[in-house]
Amino acid sequence: MYAVAALARDCELALLSGDNEKEREKFRAMFHRGSHLRFSQSPLNKLNFIEVLQQRGKTVMMVGDGVNDALALAGAEVGVAIGAELNEVALGGADVALLGTDLGRLPKM
């Protein structure tokens, strides 16, 4: 939760999840109003979302934890793979790898 709040001070945030809508309430409490919360997103949906932001002149950092994030990690200006066991496919699209699940380290970098 700290990481989301810290990043929200300076960044526009979006959650692009392959999970279904039942996770919405859990994440709504973490993200401030105005954040994009999108569920049931395919790898291509995630990449398309990033490309739209880039066409609008935004610089995009994508943080992902799995194979389904590999395209988006590669498509973002900065791709950050995070996880207890980083997947080779996700790492291939990432610029940065954070071993572990502590997203709180990200704003400190």
C-alpha atoms as a PDB file:
ATOM      1  CA  MET A   1       0.000   0.000   0.000  1.00  0.00           C
ATOM      2  CA  TYR A   2       2.886   2.368   0.769  1.00  0.00           C
ATOM      3  CA  ALA A   3       4.262   1.974  -2.751  1.00  0.00           C
ATOM      4  CA  VAL A   4       0.973   2.861  -4.403  1.00  0.00           C
ATOM      5  CA  ALA A   5       0.531   5.964  -2.227  1.00  0.00           C
ATOM      6  CA  ALA A   6       4.138   7.058  -2.782  1.00  0.00           C
ATOM      7  CA  LEU A   7       3.930   6.625  -6.540  1.00  0.00           C
ATOM      8  CA  ALA A   8       0.531   8.340  -6.713  1.00  0.00           C
ATOM      9  CA  ARG A   9       2.074  11.588  -5.486  1.00  0.00           C
ATOM     10  CA  ASP A  10       4.010  12.012  -8.715  1.00  0.00           C
ATOM     11  CA  CYS A  11       2.467   9.572 -11.186  1.00  0.00           C
ATOM     12  CA  GLU A  12      -0.787   8.684 -12.865  1.00  0.00           C
ATOM     13  CA  LEU A  13      -1.500   5.080 -11.866  1.00  0.00           C
ATOM     14  CA  ALA A  14      -3.308   2.226 -13.559  1.00  0.00           C
ATOM     15  CA  LEU A  15      -3.926  -1.369 -12.552  1.00  0.00           C
ATOM     16  CA  LEU A  16      -4.159  -3.766 -15.474  1.00  0.00           C
ATOM     17  CA  SER A  17      -5.009  -7.194 -14.114  1.00  0.00           C
ATOM     18  CA  GLY A  18      -5.794 -10.538 -15.615  1.00  0.00           C
ATOM     19  CA  ASP A  19      -7.916 -11.209 -12.519  1.00  0.00           C
ATOM     20  CA  ASN A  20     -11.662 -10.802 -12.704  1.00  0.00           C
ATOM     21  CA  GLU A  21     -13.849  -7.990 -11.338  1.00  0.00           C
ATOM     22  CA  LYS A  22     -14.275  -9.573  -7.896  1.00  0.00           C
ATOM     23  CA  GLU A  23     -10.849  -8.151  -6.992  1.00  0.00           C
ATOM     24  CA  ARG A  24     -11.985  -4.568  -7.717  1.00  0.00           C
ATOM     25  CA  GLU A  25     -12.993  -3.632  -4.154  1.00  0.00           C
ATOM     26  CA  LYS A  26      -9.700  -4.855  -2.717  1.00  0.00           C
ATOM     27  CA  PHE A  27      -7.727  -2.699  -5.134  1.00  0.00           C
ATOM     28  CA  ARG A  28     -10.047   0.318  -5.049  1.00  0.00           C
ATOM     29  CA  ALA A  29      -9.010   0.850  -1.424  1.00  0.00           C
ATOM     30  CA  MET A  30      -5.330   0.936  -2.451  1.00  0.00           C
ATOM     31  CA  PHE A  31      -5.592   3.253  -5.455  1.00  0.00           C
ATOM     32  CA  HIS A  32      -6.700   6.878  -5.321  1.00  0.00           C
ATOM     33  CA  ARG A  33      -9.654   8.217  -7.237  1.00  0.00           C
ATOM     34  CA  GLY A  34      -8.844   8.746 -10.869  1.00  0.00           C
ATOM     35  CA  SER A  35      -6.640   5.669 -11.129  1.00  0.00           C
ATOM     36  CA  HIS A  36      -7.535   3.303 -13.938  1.00  0.00           C
ATOM     37  CA  LEU A  37      -8.602  -0.110 -12.637  1.00  0.00           C
ATOM     38  CA  ARG A  38      -9.022  -2.649 -15.420  1.00  0.00           C
ATOM     39  CA  PHE A  39      -9.649  -6.345 -14.882  1.00  0.00           C
ATOM     40  CA  SER A  40      -9.816  -9.433 -17.104  1.00  0.00           C
ATOM     41  CA  GLN A  41      -7.054  -7.908 -19.217  1.00  0.00           C
ATOM     42  CA  SER A  42      -5.210 -10.071 -21.717  1.00  0.00           C
ATOM     43  CA  PRO A  43      -1.522  -9.510 -22.470  1.00  0.00           C
ATOM     44  CA  LEU A  44      -2.539  -7.699 -25.666  1.00  0.00           C
ATOM     45  CA  ASN A  45      -5.041  -5.485 -23.779  1.00  0.00           C
ATOM     46  CA  LYS A  46      -2.243  -4.436 -21.433  1.00  0.00           C
ATOM     47  CA  LEU A  47       0.090  -3.594 -24.307  1.00  0.00           C
ATOM     48  CA  ASN A  48      -2.646  -1.646 -26.113  1.00  0.00           C
ATOM     49  CA  PHE A  49      -3.346   0.404 -22.963  1.00  0.00           C
ATOM     50  CA  ILE A  50       0.341   1.304 -22.724  1.00  0.00           C
ATOM     51  CA  GLU A  51       0.507   2.239 -26.414  1.00  0.00           C
ATOM     52  CA  VAL A  52      -2.483   4.587 -26.045  1.00  0.00           C
ATOM     53  CA  LEU A  53      -0.767   6.350 -23.135  1.00  0.00           C
ATOM     54  CA  GLN A  54       2.425   6.671 -25.169  1.00  0.00           C
ATOM     55  CA  GLN A  55       0.497   8.128 -28.119  1.00  0.00           C
ATOM     56  CA  ARG A  56      -0.773  10.766 -25.675  1.00  0.00           C
ATOM     57  CA  GLY A  57       2.824  11.669 -24.846  1.00  0.00           C
ATOM     58  CA  LYS A  58       3.027   9.790 -21.540  1.00  0.00           C
ATOM     59  CA  THR A  59       6.149   8.003 -20.361  1.00  0.00           C
ATOM     60  CA  VAL A  60       5.123   4.582 -19.077  1.00  0.00           C
ATOM     61  CA  MET A  61       6.608   2.364 -16.410  1.00  0.00           C
ATOM     62  CA  MET A  62       5.028  -1.085 -16.228  1.00  0.00           C
ATOM     63  CA  VAL A  63       5.408  -3.291 -13.162  1.00  0.00           C
ATOM     64  CA  GLY A  64       4.489  -6.921 -13.749  1.00  0.00           C
ATOM     65  CA  ASP A  65       4.841 -10.236 -12.039  1.00  0.00           C
ATOM     66  CA  GLY A  66       4.354 -12.870 -14.681  1.00  0.00           C
ATOM     67  CA  VAL A  67       4.317 -14.246 -18.190  1.00  0.00           C
ATOM     68  CA  ASN A  68       1.091 -12.387 -18.990  1.00  0.00           C
ATOM     69  CA  ASP A  69       2.929  -9.108 -18.428  1.00  0.00           C
ATOM     70  CA  ALA A  70       5.873  -9.770 -20.746  1.00  0.00           C
ATOM     71  CA  LEU A  71       4.474  -7.865 -23.761  1.00  0.00           C
ATOM     72  CA  ALA A  72       3.554  -4.842 -21.654  1.00  0.00           C
ATOM     73  CA  LEU A  73       6.910  -4.883 -19.858  1.00  0.00           C
ATOM     74  CA  ALA A  74       8.677  -4.819 -23.204  1.00  0.00           C
ATOM     75  CA  GLY A  75       6.376  -2.116 -24.594  1.00  0.00           C
ATOM     76  CA  ALA A  76       6.803   0.340 -21.730  1.00  0.00           C
ATOM     77  CA  GLU A  77       9.693   2.793 -21.545  1.00  0.00           C
ATOM     78  CA  VAL A  78      10.632   1.100 -18.268  1.00  0.00           C
ATOM     79  CA  GLY A  79       9.572  -2.472 -17.526  1.00  0.00           C
ATOM     80  CA  VAL A  80       9.937  -3.761 -13.957  1.00  0.00           C
ATOM     81  CA  ALA A  81       9.531  -7.486 -13.338  1.00  0.00           C
ATOM     82  CA  ILE A  82       8.809  -8.295  -9.702  1.00  0.00           C
ATOM     83  CA  GLY A  83       8.299 -11.606  -7.981  1.00  0.00           C
ATOM     84  CA  ALA A  84       9.510 -14.224  -5.554  1.00  0.00           C
ATOM     85  CA  GLU A  85      10.460 -16.392  -8.519  1.00  0.00           C
ATOM     86  CA  LEU A  86      11.011 -14.282 -11.592  1.00  0.00           C
ATOM     87  CA  ASN A  87       9.919 -15.937 -14.815  1.00  0.00           C
ATOM     88  CA  GLU A  88      12.367 -15.998 -17.704  1.00  0.00           C
ATOM     89  CA  VAL A  89       9.720 -14.749 -20.129  1.00  0.00           C
ATOM     90  CA  ALA A  90       8.801 -11.763 -17.961  1.00  0.00           C
ATOM     91  CA  LEU A  91      12.479 -10.995 -17.394  1.00  0.00           C
ATOM     92  CA  GLY A  92      13.041 -10.955 -21.143  1.00  0.00           C
ATOM     93  CA  GLY A  93      10.723  -7.966 -21.493  1.00  0.00           C
ATOM     94  CA  ALA A  94      11.899  -6.151 -18.373  1.00  0.00           C
ATOM     95  CA  ASP A  95      14.546  -3.489 -17.909  1.00  0.00           C
ATOM     96  CA  VAL A  96      14.660  -3.997 -14.131  1.00  0.00           C
ATOM     97  CA  ALA A  97      14.060  -7.067 -11.955  1.00  0.00           C
ATOM     98  CA  LEU A  98      13.080  -6.928  -8.284  1.00  0.00           C
ATOM     99  CA  LEU A  99      13.398 -10.254  -6.532  1.00  0.00           C
ATOM    100  CA  GLY A 100      10.751 -10.586  -3.843  1.00  0.00           C
ATOM    101  CA  THR A 101       7.270  -9.189  -3.503  1.00  0.00           C
ATOM    102  CA  ASP A 102       7.966  -5.931  -1.646  1.00  0.00           C
ATOM    103  CA  LEU A 103       6.658  -3.290  -4.023  1.00  0.00           C
ATOM    104  CA  GLY A 104       7.543  -0.719  -1.362  1.00  0.00           C
ATOM    105  CA  ARG A 105      11.143  -0.766  -2.585  1.00  0.00           C
ATOM    106  CA  LEU A 106      10.111   0.640  -5.957  1.00  0.00           C
ATOM    107  CA  PRO A 107       9.544   4.321  -5.005  1.00  0.00           C
ATOM    108  CA  LYS A 108      12.932   4.349  -3.267  1.00  0.00           C
ATOM    109  CA  MET A 109      14.825   3.489  -6.440  1.00  0.00           C
END
